[in-house]
Amino acid sequence: MRTGTIARGLGLASALAALITGLSMNPASAVRAAPEPAPAAAAAPAAFTHPGVLVSRPQLDFVRAKVQAGAQPWKGAYDQMMASKYASLTRTAKPRAVVECGSYSNPNYGCTDEREDAIAAYTLSLAWYITQDSRYAAKAIELMDAWSAVIKDHTNSNAPLQTGWAGSSWPKAAEIIKYTYSGWPNAGRFATMLRDVYLPKVINGSNSNGNWELSMTEAAIGISVFLEDRTSYDKAVAKFRGRVPAYIYLTSDGALPKTAPGSGLDTRDKIINYWQGQSTFMDGLSQETCRDLTHTGYGLSAISHIAETSRIQGQDLYPEIADRLRHALGLHAKYQLGAAVPSSLCGGSLKDNLGPVTEVGFNALHNRMGIAMTNTQTLTEQRRPAGTDNLFVAWETLTHANNPN
C-alpha cells in the first residue's frame, strides 16, 4: 500500500516536471499537447446500496409521503401512472425465448412486449411501494418470473439497443421488489437471466450512435448493482466516462468534438459525418441533435440515469458531467420551447421532441447542485407530469421532481 502510494507520488512528480519542461521550451505547443486530466479511477462501492437503481429508499419514502399528502406535482404524476396500462393488475406477460428486433424494431418479434413488460414491472413496483398493496408486488414478480423462465437471447440488428432498453427497466423493478417486499422465491433465477442474457449484450458497449452505447451502459450499471458485480460496474463506469464527452460538446473541447475510445473517428470528415454533418459546434450540442431531438433525448436521459444511480451508490458522477449535461439540457430545451433555430444549427431546423427526459437531470443539477437552468426548468415544469416513452423512461415527475434525497 505504502509502496503504491510512493510510486504514484513519484509518477505525478515526473509528469509535473515534464510538463514544466515542455512549457519552458515551447509554451504554445506544450499547452496544446497536454492531455486532459485523467478522471478518477472507477471504483464500485465497497457495499452496494439497495434499492439503488435510479431510485433509493429515501427517494421512494419522499414520494410516498407526497402522494399520501395529495401534494403536487406528485399526486398528479401518481394518478397518471396508476391510470396507465402498465399499472394494470390483469396484465399478462408475453415472454419469448428469443426476442428478435431489426432496425426500428422491424421485424418486431417480442420487442415491444419485452420493453413494455419491463416498464410494467417497474411501474407495479412503484405502485407497491407507494400503496403498500401487495397485489402490485405480486404482479411485478409474476412479470419478472415469466421472462426469467423463458428468455435466452436477443437477435438481429437492434439486439444491443433492445437489450439496453429492457435491461434498464428490469433492474429498477427488481431492486424495489427484492429489497422492500418479502417473498420472491425466483429472485435468483431473475439474477441469472440478467447475468447470462442481458449483461453480455451490453457490457462491451457499441460504436453506433451515442444513445445506443449510453442506453447499453445504463443497463450494464443497473444490472451490476442488482448482481453486486463490482467488475462489471467499474467497466460500465469507464465506458460512461469515455462516452459522455464524445456525446455532448463543450467549446473547451476545441475545434472538434471529442471521440469515444475505440470509435475509429480519426479525421475531421469522419467526426463531422458522425455528428450528422454538423460542422459548427456550440456548448451543449449533442452528437445526435441534427438527427432528431428524440434520439438526443434518449442519450441525455441515459446519462442522467447513470449519474443518478452512481450517486445513490456513493460514487457521484454528476460533478464530472454537470457542465456538459446542463448545457445540453438547456440548449435543447431552448429550442423545444420555440426559440428560432439559427441556420448554423442543423441548417436552421430541428426535428421531433425530447420526450419526458429532463426531470432527473434537472433535479440533480438545479435542485441539488444549485445550477441555474432557466430553459430546462421552464420546459420541465410545462411538461409535468412526465409520463413514459414506452421504451425505458417512465414516471420521472413522480420519482424525481424536487426530490431532495
Foldseek 3Di string as FASTA:
>chain_A
DVVVVVVVVVVVVVVVVVLVVVCVVPVVVSVVPDDDDDDDAFFFFPAFAFPFQLFHPLLLVVLLVCCVVVHPPQVVLLVVLCPDPLQDLPDDQDAAQEAEAEVVRVPGRCLLRLLSLLQSLLSLLSVCSNVVPCSSLVSSLNRLVVHLVHYHEYDYDCRLQSLLQSLLRNLNNLRSSVPPHPDRVCSVSSLVCCVRYRQVSQLVADLAQLLSNLSSLSSQCSSCSSVVPGVSNSSSVVQLVQRLQQFFDACVCDQAGDHGPPNPQDDPVSRCVQLVNQRDDHQQRGSCFLVAQQSVLSNLQSNLSSQSSCVSSVNHCCVVCVRNSLRNLQVQLVVVVPDFADCSGSNRDHHDHNALRLQSSCCCCCVAVPDDRVSNVVSNVVPPPGADPSGRDGSSCSSGHNRHD
